C-alpha atoms as a PDB file:
ATOM      1  CA  MET A   1    -157.558 -47.992  66.248  1.00  0.00           C
ATOM      2  CA  LYS A   2    -157.936 -51.768  66.407  1.00  0.00           C
ATOM      3  CA  VAL A   3    -156.948 -53.953  63.461  1.00  0.00           C
ATOM      4  CA  ASP A   4    -156.825 -57.701  63.014  1.00  0.00           C
ATOM      5  CA  ILE A   5    -153.527 -57.826  61.098  1.00  0.00           C
ATOM      6  CA  LEU A   6    -150.620 -55.384  61.239  1.00  0.00           C
ATOM      7  CA  ALA A   7    -148.058 -55.929  58.481  1.00  0.00           C
ATOM      8  CA  PHE A   8    -144.559 -54.474  58.759  1.00  0.00           C
ATOM      9  CA  GLY A   9    -142.064 -53.950  55.964  1.00  0.00           C
ATOM     10  CA  ALA A  10    -138.520 -52.629  56.091  1.00  0.00           C
ATOM     11  CA  HIS A  11    -139.322 -50.727  52.893  1.00  0.00           C
ATOM     12  CA  PRO A  12    -142.451 -49.597  51.086  1.00  0.00           C
ATOM     13  CA  ASP A  13    -143.313 -52.434  48.646  1.00  0.00           C
ATOM     14  CA  ASP A  14    -141.961 -55.281  50.864  1.00  0.00           C
ATOM     15  CA  VAL A  15    -145.444 -56.255  52.026  1.00  0.00           C
ATOM     16  CA  GLU A  16    -146.984 -55.845  48.574  1.00  0.00           C
ATOM     17  CA  LEU A  17    -144.375 -58.102  46.986  1.00  0.00           C
ATOM     18  CA  SER A  18    -144.652 -60.982  49.434  1.00  0.00           C
ATOM     19  CA  ALA A  19    -147.894 -60.909  51.417  1.00  0.00           C
ATOM     20  CA  SER A  20    -150.413 -58.607  49.763  1.00  0.00           C
ATOM     21  CA  ALA A  21    -152.576 -61.357  48.265  1.00  0.00           C
ATOM     22  CA  THR A  22    -152.949 -62.869  51.739  1.00  0.00           C
ATOM     23  CA  LEU A  23    -153.967 -59.475  53.102  1.00  0.00           C
ATOM     24  CA  LEU A  24    -156.428 -58.934  50.252  1.00  0.00           C
ATOM     25  CA  LYS A  25    -158.069 -62.282  51.003  1.00  0.00           C
ATOM     26  CA  HIS A  26    -158.459 -61.426  54.682  1.00  0.00           C
ATOM     27  CA  ILE A  27    -159.799 -57.947  53.896  1.00  0.00           C
ATOM     28  CA  GLN A  28    -162.437 -59.580  51.693  1.00  0.00           C
ATOM     29  CA  GLN A  29    -163.329 -61.746  54.705  1.00  0.00           C
ATOM     30  CA  GLY A  30    -163.989 -58.578  56.719  1.00  0.00           C
ATOM     31  CA  LYS A  31    -160.690 -58.350  58.593  1.00  0.00           C
ATOM     32  CA  LYS A  32    -159.075 -54.967  59.231  1.00  0.00           C
ATOM     33  CA  VAL A  33    -155.474 -54.522  58.092  1.00  0.00           C
ATOM     34  CA  ALA A  34    -152.889 -51.756  58.538  1.00  0.00           C
ATOM     35  CA  LEU A  35    -149.304 -51.435  57.278  1.00  0.00           C
ATOM     36  CA  VAL A  36    -146.188 -49.967  58.884  1.00  0.00           C
ATOM     37  CA  ASP A  37    -143.089 -49.218  56.800  1.00  0.00           C
ATOM     38  CA  LEU A  38    -139.892 -48.904  58.834  1.00  0.00           C
ATOM     39  CA  THR A  39    -138.111 -46.707  56.270  1.00  0.00           C
ATOM     40  CA  PRO A  40    -139.105 -44.593  53.264  1.00  0.00           C
ATOM     41  CA  GLY A  41    -136.749 -46.652  51.062  1.00  0.00           C
ATOM     42  CA  GLU A  42    -134.707 -43.571  50.260  1.00  0.00           C
ATOM     43  CA  LEU A  43    -131.662 -45.551  49.094  1.00  0.00           C
ATOM     44  CA  GLY A  44    -133.538 -47.230  46.256  1.00  0.00           C
ATOM     45  CA  SER A  45    -131.665 -46.917  42.955  1.00  0.00           C
ATOM     46  CA  ARG A  46    -134.768 -45.735  41.102  1.00  0.00           C
ATOM     47  CA  GLY A  47    -137.211 -42.960  41.918  1.00  0.00           C
ATOM     48  CA  THR A  48    -137.055 -40.533  44.822  1.00  0.00           C
ATOM     49  CA  ILE A  49    -138.222 -40.444  48.405  1.00  0.00           C
ATOM     50  CA  GLU A  50    -141.159 -38.316  47.243  1.00  0.00           C
ATOM     51  CA  THR A  51    -142.242 -40.811  44.592  1.00  0.00           C
ATOM     52  CA  ARG A  52    -141.928 -43.643  47.113  1.00  0.00           C
ATOM     53  CA  TYR A  53    -144.437 -41.955  49.416  1.00  0.00           C
ATOM     54  CA  GLU A  54    -146.800 -41.326  46.489  1.00  0.00           C
ATOM     55  CA  GLU A  55    -146.498 -44.918  45.309  1.00  0.00           C
ATOM     56  CA  ALA A  56    -147.093 -46.343  48.794  1.00  0.00           C
ATOM     57  CA  SER A  57    -150.237 -44.243  49.065  1.00  0.00           C
ATOM     58  CA  ALA A  58    -151.488 -45.513  45.684  1.00  0.00           C
ATOM     59  CA  ALA A  59    -150.751 -49.135  46.642  1.00  0.00           C
ATOM     60  CA  SER A  60    -152.608 -48.688  49.943  1.00  0.00           C
ATOM     61  CA  LYS A  61    -155.738 -47.592  48.091  1.00  0.00           C
ATOM     62  CA  ILE A  62    -155.553 -50.641  45.841  1.00  0.00           C
ATOM     63  CA  LEU A  63    -155.237 -52.925  48.863  1.00  0.00           C
ATOM     64  CA  GLY A  64    -158.048 -51.238  50.791  1.00  0.00           C
ATOM     65  CA  ILE A  65    -156.184 -51.127  54.103  1.00  0.00           C
ATOM     66  CA  GLU A  66    -157.260 -49.095  57.139  1.00  0.00           C
ATOM     67  CA  ASP A  67    -154.081 -47.048  57.586  1.00  0.00           C
ATOM     68  CA  ARG A  68    -150.399 -46.881  56.705  1.00  0.00           C
ATOM     69  CA  VAL A  69    -147.561 -45.391  58.780  1.00  0.00           C
ATOM     70  CA  ASN A  70    -143.923 -44.744  57.909  1.00  0.00           C
ATOM     71  CA  LEU A  71    -141.537 -44.697  60.889  1.00  0.00           C
ATOM     72  CA  LYS A  72    -138.810 -42.922  58.865  1.00  0.00           C
ATOM     73  CA  MET A  73    -135.914 -45.024  60.079  1.00  0.00           C
ATOM     74  CA  ALA A  74    -132.739 -44.796  58.003  1.00  0.00           C
ATOM     75  CA  ASP A  75    -132.883 -47.047  54.948  1.00  0.00           C
ATOM     76  CA  GLY A  76    -129.879 -49.379  54.989  1.00  0.00           C
ATOM     77  CA  PHE A  77    -128.602 -48.084  58.317  1.00  0.00           C
ATOM     78  CA  PHE A  78    -131.341 -48.539  60.915  1.00  0.00           C
ATOM     79  CA  GLU A  79    -130.184 -50.384  64.013  1.00  0.00           C
ATOM     80  CA  HIS A  80    -131.608 -52.722  66.611  1.00  0.00           C
ATOM     81  CA  SER A  81    -131.836 -49.941  69.194  1.00  0.00           C
ATOM     82  CA  GLN A  82    -134.084 -48.923  72.053  1.00  0.00           C
ATOM     83  CA  GLU A  83    -135.280 -45.929  70.054  1.00  0.00           C
ATOM     84  CA  ASN A  84    -136.362 -48.028  67.086  1.00  0.00           C
ATOM     85  CA  LEU A  85    -137.890 -50.761  69.213  1.00  0.00           C
ATOM     86  CA  LEU A  86    -140.037 -48.195  71.008  1.00  0.00           C
ATOM     87  CA  LYS A  87    -141.212 -46.712  67.704  1.00  0.00           C
ATOM     88  CA  ILE A  88    -142.549 -50.127  66.755  1.00  0.00           C
ATOM     89  CA  VAL A  89    -143.976 -50.793  70.220  1.00  0.00           C
ATOM     90  CA  GLU A  90    -145.978 -47.563  69.881  1.00  0.00           C
ATOM     91  CA  GLN A  91    -147.536 -48.776  66.629  1.00  0.00           C
ATOM     92  CA  ILE A  92    -148.341 -52.217  68.039  1.00  0.00           C
ATOM     93  CA  ARG A  93    -150.054 -50.655  71.037  1.00  0.00           C
ATOM     94  CA  HIS A  94    -151.881 -48.194  68.779  1.00  0.00           C
ATOM     95  CA  PHE A  95    -153.233 -50.762  66.311  1.00  0.00           C
ATOM     96  CA  LYS A  96    -153.622 -53.656  68.804  1.00  0.00           C
ATOM     97  CA  PRO A  97    -153.335 -56.430  66.181  1.00  0.00           C
ATOM     98  CA  GLU A  98    -154.050 -60.089  66.767  1.00  0.00           C
ATOM     99  CA  ILE A  99    -151.537 -61.067  64.077  1.00  0.00           C
ATOM    100  CA  VAL A 100    -148.319 -59.343  62.978  1.00  0.00           C
ATOM    101  CA  LEU A 101    -146.600 -59.990  59.660  1.00  0.00           C
ATOM    102  CA  ALA A 102    -142.892 -59.190  59.406  1.00  0.00           C
ATOM    103  CA  ASN A 103    -140.048 -59.402  56.910  1.00  0.00           C
ATOM    104  CA  ALA A 104    -138.275 -62.636  56.029  1.00  0.00           C
ATOM    105  CA  VAL A 105    -135.942 -63.852  58.757  1.00  0.00           C
ATOM    106  CA  GLU A 106    -133.039 -63.560  56.286  1.00  0.00           C
ATOM    107  CA  ASP A 107    -132.822 -62.276  52.730  1.00  0.00           C
ATOM    108  CA  ARG A 108    -130.670 -60.701  50.018  1.00  0.00           C
ATOM    109  CA  HIS A 109    -131.266 -57.188  51.380  1.00  0.00           C
ATOM    110  CA  PRO A 110    -129.801 -56.932  54.901  1.00  0.00           C
ATOM    111  CA  ASP A 111    -132.628 -54.617  56.022  1.00  0.00           C
ATOM    112  CA  HIS A 112    -135.100 -57.478  55.685  1.00  0.00           C
ATOM    113  CA  GLY A 113    -133.471 -59.696  58.289  1.00  0.00           C
ATOM    114  CA  LYS A 114    -132.801 -56.693  60.543  1.00  0.00           C
ATOM    115  CA  GLY A 115    -136.415 -55.569  60.252  1.00  0.00           C
ATOM    116  CA  SER A 116    -137.640 -59.085  60.943  1.00  0.00           C
ATOM    117  CA  LYS A 117    -135.767 -59.280  64.249  1.00  0.00           C
ATOM    118  CA  LEU A 118    -136.656 -55.727  65.246  1.00  0.00           C
ATOM    119  CA  VAL A 119    -140.399 -56.270  64.773  1.00  0.00           C
ATOM    120  CA  SER A 120    -140.355 -59.673  66.452  1.00  0.00           C
ATOM    121  CA  ASP A 121    -138.607 -58.317  69.549  1.00  0.00           C
ATOM    122  CA  ALA A 122    -140.906 -55.282  69.683  1.00  0.00           C
ATOM    123  CA  CYS A 123    -143.965 -57.558  69.676  1.00  0.00           C
ATOM    124  CA  PHE A 124    -142.719 -59.127  72.904  1.00  0.00           C
ATOM    125  CA  LEU A 125    -141.736 -55.824  74.507  1.00  0.00           C
ATOM    126  CA  ALA A 126    -145.113 -54.273  73.654  1.00  0.00           C
ATOM    127  CA  GLY A 127    -146.701 -56.585  76.224  1.00  0.00           C
ATOM    128  CA  LEU A 128    -144.507 -55.524  79.150  1.00  0.00           C
ATOM    129  CA  VAL A 129    -146.362 -53.279  81.593  1.00  0.00           C
ATOM    130  CA  LYS A 130    -143.238 -51.478  82.799  1.00  0.00           C
ATOM    131  CA  ILE A 131    -142.416 -50.154  79.335  1.00  0.00           C
ATOM    132  CA  LYS A 132    -144.210 -46.820  79.123  1.00  0.00           C
ATOM    133  CA  THR A 133    -145.136 -45.308  75.773  1.00  0.00           C
ATOM    134  CA  SER A 134    -147.453 -42.605  74.516  1.00  0.00           C
ATOM    135  CA  LEU A 135    -148.650 -41.619  71.068  1.00  0.00           C
ATOM    136  CA  ASN A 136    -150.227 -38.298  70.111  1.00  0.00           C
ATOM    137  CA  GLY A 137    -150.099 -37.244  73.755  1.00  0.00           C
ATOM    138  CA  GLU A 138    -151.990 -40.264  75.075  1.00  0.00           C
ATOM    139  CA  ASP A 139    -150.495 -42.932  77.327  1.00  0.00           C
ATOM    140  CA  GLN A 140    -150.710 -46.435  75.870  1.00  0.00           C
ATOM    141  CA  LEU A 141    -151.660 -49.739  77.421  1.00  0.00           C
ATOM    142  CA  PRO A 142    -149.562 -52.894  76.888  1.00  0.00           C
ATOM    143  CA  HIS A 143    -150.573 -55.117  74.001  1.00  0.00           C
ATOM    144  CA  ARG A 144    -148.865 -58.267  72.762  1.00  0.00           C
ATOM    145  CA  PRO A 145    -150.007 -59.809  69.452  1.00  0.00           C
ATOM    146  CA  LYS A 146    -150.993 -63.455  69.577  1.00  0.00           C
ATOM    147  CA  VAL A 147    -148.539 -64.470  66.862  1.00  0.00           C
ATOM    148  CA  VAL A 148    -145.877 -63.204  64.446  1.00  0.00           C
ATOM    149  CA  TYR A 149    -145.572 -64.690  60.958  1.00  0.00           C
ATOM    150  CA  HIS A 150    -142.686 -63.912  58.594  1.00  0.00           C
ATOM    151  CA  TYR A 151    -143.345 -63.652  54.875  1.00  0.00           C
ATOM    152  CA  ILE A 152    -140.867 -65.038  52.343  1.00  0.00           C
ATOM    153  CA  GLN A 153    -139.101 -62.568  50.067  1.00  0.00           C
ATOM    154  CA  ASP A 154    -136.391 -62.790  47.418  1.00  0.00           C
ATOM    155  CA  ARG A 155    -134.405 -65.788  48.672  1.00  0.00           C
ATOM    156  CA  TYR A 156    -136.204 -69.101  48.886  1.00  0.00           C
ATOM    157  CA  ILE A 157    -137.076 -70.210  52.407  1.00  0.00           C
ATOM    158  CA  LYS A 158    -139.102 -73.364  52.917  1.00  0.00           C
ATOM    159  CA  PRO A 159    -142.444 -72.141  54.290  1.00  0.00           C
ATOM    160  CA  ASP A 160    -143.958 -73.530  57.459  1.00  0.00           C
ATOM    161  CA  PHE A 161    -147.388 -72.940  55.948  1.00  0.00           C
ATOM    162  CA  VAL A 162    -148.854 -71.382  52.825  1.00  0.00           C
ATOM    163  CA  VAL A 163    -152.065 -69.441  52.237  1.00  0.00           C
ATOM    164  CA  ASP A 164    -154.224 -70.181  49.188  1.00  0.00           C
ATOM    165  CA  VAL A 165    -154.495 -66.794  47.440  1.00  0.00           C
ATOM    166  CA  THR A 166    -155.911 -67.959  44.123  1.00  0.00           C
ATOM    167  CA  GLY A 167    -158.073 -65.194  42.691  1.00  0.00           C
ATOM    168  CA  PHE A 168    -156.175 -62.396  44.401  1.00  0.00           C
ATOM    169  CA  GLU A 169    -153.011 -62.525  42.322  1.00  0.00           C
ATOM    170  CA  GLU A 170    -153.931 -59.828  39.785  1.00  0.00           C
ATOM    171  CA  GLN A 171    -154.888 -57.291  42.448  1.00  0.00           C
ATOM    172  CA  LYS A 172    -151.614 -58.114  44.170  1.00  0.00           C
ATOM    173  CA  PHE A 173    -149.704 -57.340  40.972  1.00  0.00           C
ATOM    174  CA  GLU A 174    -151.691 -54.130  40.588  1.00  0.00           C
ATOM    175  CA  SER A 175    -150.560 -53.023  44.054  1.00  0.00           C
ATOM    176  CA  ILE A 176    -146.942 -53.816  43.142  1.00  0.00           C
ATOM    177  CA  ARG A 177    -147.168 -51.899  39.874  1.00  0.00           C
ATOM    178  CA  ALA A 178    -148.261 -48.856  41.879  1.00  0.00           C
ATOM    179  CA  TYR A 179    -144.525 -48.552  42.611  1.00  0.00           C
ATOM    180  CA  LYS A 180    -144.070 -47.511  39.001  1.00  0.00           C
ATOM    181  CA  THR A 181    -140.539 -46.136  39.405  1.00  0.00           C
ATOM    182  CA  GLN A 182    -139.274 -49.388  40.935  1.00  0.00           C
ATOM    183  CA  PHE A 183    -140.498 -52.005  38.507  1.00  0.00           C
ATOM    184  CA  PHE A 184    -140.534 -52.719  34.780  1.00  0.00           C
ATOM    185  CA  ASP A 185    -141.053 -49.716  32.533  1.00  0.00           C
ATOM    186  CA  PRO A 186    -139.727 -50.048  28.969  1.00  0.00           C
ATOM    187  CA  ASN A 187    -139.488 -46.247  28.723  1.00  0.00           C
ATOM    188  CA  SER A 188    -137.519 -45.730  31.932  1.00  0.00           C
ATOM    189  CA  THR A 189    -134.011 -44.285  31.722  1.00  0.00           C
ATOM    190  CA  GLU A 190    -133.194 -45.133  35.338  1.00  0.00           C
ATOM    191  CA  PRO A 191    -130.628 -47.772  36.361  1.00  0.00           C
ATOM    192  CA  GLN A 192    -131.525 -51.431  35.967  1.00  0.00           C
ATOM    193  CA  THR A 193    -131.889 -53.328  39.226  1.00  0.00           C
ATOM    194  CA  PRO A 194    -132.603 -56.953  40.196  1.00  0.00           C
ATOM    195  CA  ILE A 195    -136.335 -56.112  40.411  1.00  0.00           C
ATOM    196  CA  SER A 196    -136.764 -53.729  37.455  1.00  0.00           C
ATOM    197  CA  GLY A 197    -136.743 -56.281  34.632  1.00  0.00           C
ATOM    198  CA  LYS A 198    -139.843 -57.724  33.007  1.00  0.00           C
ATOM    199  CA  GLU A 199    -138.777 -61.191  34.162  1.00  0.00           C
ATOM    200  CA  PHE A 200    -139.172 -60.199  37.823  1.00  0.00           C
ATOM    201  CA  PHE A 201    -142.954 -60.473  37.581  1.00  0.00           C
ATOM    202  CA  GLU A 202    -142.516 -63.929  36.075  1.00  0.00           C
ATOM    203  CA  PHE A 203    -140.436 -64.842  39.129  1.00  0.00           C
ATOM    204  CA  LEU A 204    -143.150 -63.580  41.480  1.00  0.00           C
ATOM    205  CA  ARG A 205    -145.847 -65.528  39.680  1.00  0.00           C
ATOM    206  CA  GLY A 206    -143.644 -68.624  39.600  1.00  0.00           C
ATOM    207  CA  ARG A 207    -142.991 -68.447  43.346  1.00  0.00           C
ATOM    208  CA  MET A 208    -146.723 -68.194  44.044  1.00  0.00           C
ATOM    209  CA  SER A 209    -147.383 -71.057  41.651  1.00  0.00           C
ATOM    210  CA  GLU A 210    -144.733 -73.215  43.342  1.00  0.00           C
ATOM    211  CA  PHE A 211    -146.250 -72.648  46.770  1.00  0.00           C
ATOM    212  CA  GLY A 212    -149.740 -73.222  45.421  1.00  0.00           C
ATOM    213  CA  ARG A 213    -148.870 -76.460  43.644  1.00  0.00           C
ATOM    214  CA  ALA A 214    -147.770 -78.013  46.927  1.00  0.00           C
ATOM    215  CA  ILE A 215    -151.329 -77.784  48.283  1.00  0.00           C
ATOM    216  CA  GLY A 216    -153.182 -78.381  45.040  1.00  0.00           C
ATOM    217  CA  VAL A 217    -154.190 -74.798  44.252  1.00  0.00           C
ATOM    218  CA  GLN A 218    -153.037 -72.348  41.602  1.00  0.00           C
ATOM    219  CA  TYR A 219    -151.381 -69.707  43.779  1.00  0.00           C
ATOM    220  CA  ALA A 220    -150.249 -69.374  47.397  1.00  0.00           C
ATOM    221  CA  GLU A 221    -148.032 -67.184  49.562  1.00  0.00           C
ATOM    222  CA  GLY A 222    -145.646 -68.694  52.100  1.00  0.00           C
ATOM    223  CA  PHE A 223    -144.817 -67.842  55.696  1.00  0.00           C
ATOM    224  CA  THR A 224    -142.528 -69.046  58.465  1.00  0.00           C
ATOM    225  CA  VAL A 225    -143.431 -69.192  62.143  1.00  0.00           C
ATOM    226  CA  GLU A 226    -141.696 -68.469  65.430  1.00  0.00           C
ATOM    227  CA  ARG A 227    -143.599 -71.179  67.254  1.00  0.00           C
ATOM    228  CA  PHE A 228    -145.561 -74.119  65.915  1.00  0.00           C
ATOM    229  CA  VAL A 229    -149.185 -73.478  65.018  1.00  0.00           C
ATOM    230  CA  GLY A 230    -152.176 -75.452  66.248  1.00  0.00           C
ATOM    231  CA  ILE A 231    -155.334 -76.669  64.517  1.00  0.00           C
ATOM    232  CA  ASP A 232    -158.588 -78.196  65.705  1.00  0.00           C
ATOM    233  CA  SER A 233    -158.732 -80.946  63.114  1.00  0.00           C
ATOM    234  CA  PHE A 234    -156.655 -82.678  60.454  1.00  0.00           C
ATOM    235  CA  PHE A 235    -159.439 -81.720  58.073  1.00  0.00           C
ATOM    236  CA  ASP A 236    -158.669 -78.017  58.439  1.00  0.00           C
ATOM    237  CA  LEU A 237    -155.515 -78.673  56.397  1.00  0.00           C
ATOM    238  CA  LYS A 238    -155.276 -78.671  52.617  1.00  0.00           C
END
């Protein structure tokens, strides 16, 4: 399977929270997108591992992505190891993306920074011919994505660029609300968390508004880069 963008998240809902409007915009433009979750998010304070899988499936349908894979690493405890790097390399070689999206380079949850580094390193290793991998019994060819961009999560990081996502914000919120055990529910009896309050959606909208205001649009999502990006003309910039 060949996709244009492969988005990784340490947990189900990471991509939806921080980059889903950008993905929705590119899907509307005809680009193919797939998601890879590193863990099932089994340590989440609310819901169960079973509900997390169900919610991720529902969110995927809302987004209209091509495929979604969960690598079943250990939530909270996965390591930067050869085993985990190769799991990611297999997915990169399977989906053959031009662009990879990864977690924030550092964040409140330690898995986000760990996942960011793990995916970034795997993107390089996936291009090395002497690393042999196979998936579903078939040997894989090397493939290195052209670029890795890191989305911005809970903690503020100054973006290197932002994407105008005005018009895609409500579908983004719909995909987030698919994780119904994790976010605001006035009837829930589960523990309160930093993301379960009604005000969390106000924070998300405010962050998008802040990024959008900087380029003169209503809403935007922000990303950081590993290398500087190039353009053909000043006039490509907002």
